[in-house]
Amino acid sequence: LDKQAGVITISRRGFRKPISVEIPLKDVQAVKVEVRDGFNTRRRVSLRVQGRRHIPLTRVGEPLPLAQLEQDGAELARFLGVNLEGL
């Protein structure tokens, strides 16, 4: 994240090569916390970006505890200056 340049860079390991996405800060609309329990449990934090699909930020696998998920989402939303959705 480079607030002065106004860009967020998200990098992660892809199937065969690293993936890197740059998003202008002005396009970030909100931080979304998604919690779905049951057979197919989903707990994740994602960015809601204008004109794009939601960009997941949490790792796939064992779900985070709800308190940690909520805290991570709130800190990121506060830092970016956007709304927190989904709670």
C-alpha atoms as a PDB file:
ATOM      1  CA  LEU A   1       0.000   0.000   0.000  1.00  0.00           C
ATOM      2  CA  ASP A   2       1.382   3.370  -0.995  1.00  0.00           C
ATOM      3  CA  LYS A   3      -0.944   6.119   0.237  1.00  0.00           C
ATOM      4  CA  GLN A   4       1.141   8.888  -1.334  1.00  0.00           C
ATOM      5  CA  ALA A   5       1.003   7.294  -4.792  1.00  0.00           C
ATOM      6  CA  GLY A   6      -2.628   6.253  -4.180  1.00  0.00           C
ATOM      7  CA  VAL A   7      -2.121   2.586  -5.100  1.00  0.00           C
ATOM      8  CA  ILE A   8      -2.692  -0.760  -3.387  1.00  0.00           C
ATOM      9  CA  THR A   9      -0.606  -3.676  -4.647  1.00  0.00           C
ATOM     10  CA  ILE A  10      -1.857  -7.171  -3.822  1.00  0.00           C
ATOM     11  CA  SER A  11       0.541 -10.047  -4.512  1.00  0.00           C
ATOM     12  CA  ARG A  12       0.006 -13.737  -4.027  1.00  0.00           C
ATOM     13  CA  ARG A  13       1.316 -17.028  -5.270  1.00  0.00           C
ATOM     14  CA  GLY A  14      -0.633 -18.365  -8.236  1.00  0.00           C
ATOM     15  CA  PHE A  15      -0.748 -21.898  -9.622  1.00  0.00           C
ATOM     16  CA  ARG A  16       2.295 -21.534 -11.870  1.00  0.00           C
ATOM     17  CA  LYS A  17       3.470 -17.960 -11.341  1.00  0.00           C
ATOM     18  CA  PRO A  18       3.096 -15.065  -8.894  1.00  0.00           C
ATOM     19  CA  ILE A  19       0.050 -12.823  -9.350  1.00  0.00           C
ATOM     20  CA  SER A  20       0.215  -9.093  -8.698  1.00  0.00           C
ATOM     21  CA  VAL A  21      -2.696  -6.639  -8.938  1.00  0.00           C
ATOM     22  CA  GLU A  22      -2.500  -2.857  -8.584  1.00  0.00           C
ATOM     23  CA  ILE A  23      -5.656  -0.999  -7.565  1.00  0.00           C
ATOM     24  CA  PRO A  24      -6.038   2.788  -7.276  1.00  0.00           C
ATOM     25  CA  LEU A  25      -7.090   3.772  -3.747  1.00  0.00           C
ATOM     26  CA  LYS A  26      -9.929   5.891  -5.122  1.00  0.00           C
ATOM     27  CA  ASP A  27     -11.541   2.728  -6.586  1.00  0.00           C
ATOM     28  CA  VAL A  28     -11.729   0.921  -3.218  1.00  0.00           C
ATOM     29  CA  GLN A  29     -15.303   1.282  -1.979  1.00  0.00           C
ATOM     30  CA  ALA A  30     -15.311  -0.863   1.174  1.00  0.00           C
ATOM     31  CA  VAL A  31     -13.756  -3.714   3.123  1.00  0.00           C
ATOM     32  CA  LYS A  32     -16.152  -6.646   3.316  1.00  0.00           C
ATOM     33  CA  VAL A  33     -16.180  -9.321   6.028  1.00  0.00           C
ATOM     34  CA  GLU A  34     -18.026 -12.444   4.915  1.00  0.00           C
ATOM     35  CA  VAL A  35     -19.038 -15.150   7.393  1.00  0.00           C
ATOM     36  CA  ARG A  36     -20.939 -18.234   6.272  1.00  0.00           C
ATOM     37  CA  ASP A  37     -21.084 -21.211   8.602  1.00  0.00           C
ATOM     38  CA  GLY A  38     -22.393 -24.672   7.916  1.00  0.00           C
ATOM     39  CA  PHE A  39     -21.194 -27.466   5.669  1.00  0.00           C
ATOM     40  CA  ASN A  40     -19.232 -25.164   3.361  1.00  0.00           C
ATOM     41  CA  THR A  41     -17.802 -22.657   5.876  1.00  0.00           C
ATOM     42  CA  ARG A  42     -16.472 -19.370   4.536  1.00  0.00           C
ATOM     43  CA  ARG A  43     -14.835 -16.661   6.589  1.00  0.00           C
ATOM     44  CA  ARG A  44     -12.959 -14.048   4.656  1.00  0.00           C
ATOM     45  CA  VAL A  45     -12.018 -10.410   4.329  1.00  0.00           C
ATOM     46  CA  SER A  46     -12.191  -8.908   0.849  1.00  0.00           C
ATOM     47  CA  LEU A  47     -11.970  -5.540  -0.870  1.00  0.00           C
ATOM     48  CA  ARG A  48     -15.010  -4.216  -2.717  1.00  0.00           C
ATOM     49  CA  VAL A  49     -13.566  -2.417  -5.730  1.00  0.00           C
ATOM     50  CA  GLN A  50     -15.502  -0.310  -8.217  1.00  0.00           C
ATOM     51  CA  GLY A  51     -15.948  -2.086 -11.548  1.00  0.00           C
ATOM     52  CA  ARG A  52     -14.370  -5.373 -10.387  1.00  0.00           C
ATOM     53  CA  ARG A  53     -15.237  -8.489  -8.473  1.00  0.00           C
ATOM     54  CA  HIS A  54     -14.506  -8.641  -4.743  1.00  0.00           C
ATOM     55  CA  ILE A  55     -10.801  -9.258  -4.162  1.00  0.00           C
ATOM     56  CA  PRO A  56     -10.249 -11.762  -1.323  1.00  0.00           C
ATOM     57  CA  LEU A  57      -7.463 -10.950   1.124  1.00  0.00           C
ATOM     58  CA  THR A  58      -7.565 -13.926   3.500  1.00  0.00           C
ATOM     59  CA  ARG A  59      -5.954 -17.257   2.868  1.00  0.00           C
ATOM     60  CA  VAL A  60      -7.931 -20.328   1.787  1.00  0.00           C
ATOM     61  CA  GLY A  61      -7.955 -23.131   4.305  1.00  0.00           C
ATOM     62  CA  GLU A  62      -8.680 -23.178   8.003  1.00  0.00           C
ATOM     63  CA  PRO A  63     -11.105 -20.335   8.847  1.00  0.00           C
ATOM     64  CA  LEU A  64      -9.954 -17.518  11.132  1.00  0.00           C
ATOM     65  CA  PRO A  65     -11.652 -17.012  14.509  1.00  0.00           C
ATOM     66  CA  LEU A  66     -14.502 -14.489  14.252  1.00  0.00           C
ATOM     67  CA  ALA A  67     -12.821 -12.000  16.605  1.00  0.00           C
ATOM     68  CA  GLN A  68      -9.616 -12.004  14.535  1.00  0.00           C
ATOM     69  CA  LEU A  69     -11.529 -11.707  11.258  1.00  0.00           C
ATOM     70  CA  GLU A  70     -13.549  -8.775  12.603  1.00  0.00           C
ATOM     71  CA  GLN A  71     -10.468  -7.020  13.989  1.00  0.00           C
ATOM     72  CA  ASP A  72      -8.485  -7.435  10.756  1.00  0.00           C
ATOM     73  CA  GLY A  73     -11.344  -6.074   8.667  1.00  0.00           C
ATOM     74  CA  ALA A  74     -11.912  -3.105  10.977  1.00  0.00           C
ATOM     75  CA  GLU A  75      -8.214  -2.161  11.053  1.00  0.00           C
ATOM     76  CA  LEU A  76      -7.929  -2.318   7.276  1.00  0.00           C
ATOM     77  CA  ALA A  77     -11.118  -0.290   6.736  1.00  0.00           C
ATOM     78  CA  ARG A  78      -9.946   2.351   9.221  1.00  0.00           C
ATOM     79  CA  PHE A  79      -6.503   2.544   7.579  1.00  0.00           C
ATOM     80  CA  LEU A  80      -7.973   2.878   4.071  1.00  0.00           C
ATOM     81  CA  GLY A  81     -10.683   5.288   5.219  1.00  0.00           C
ATOM     82  CA  VAL A  82     -13.563   3.211   3.809  1.00  0.00           C
ATOM     83  CA  ASN A  83     -16.631   1.481   5.301  1.00  0.00           C
ATOM     84  CA  LEU A  84     -16.630  -2.006   6.811  1.00  0.00           C
ATOM     85  CA  GLU A  85     -19.449  -4.174   5.436  1.00  0.00           C
ATOM     86  CA  GLY A  86     -20.931  -7.503   6.383  1.00  0.00           C
ATOM     87  CA  LEU A  87     -21.119  -7.311  10.171  1.00  0.00           C
END
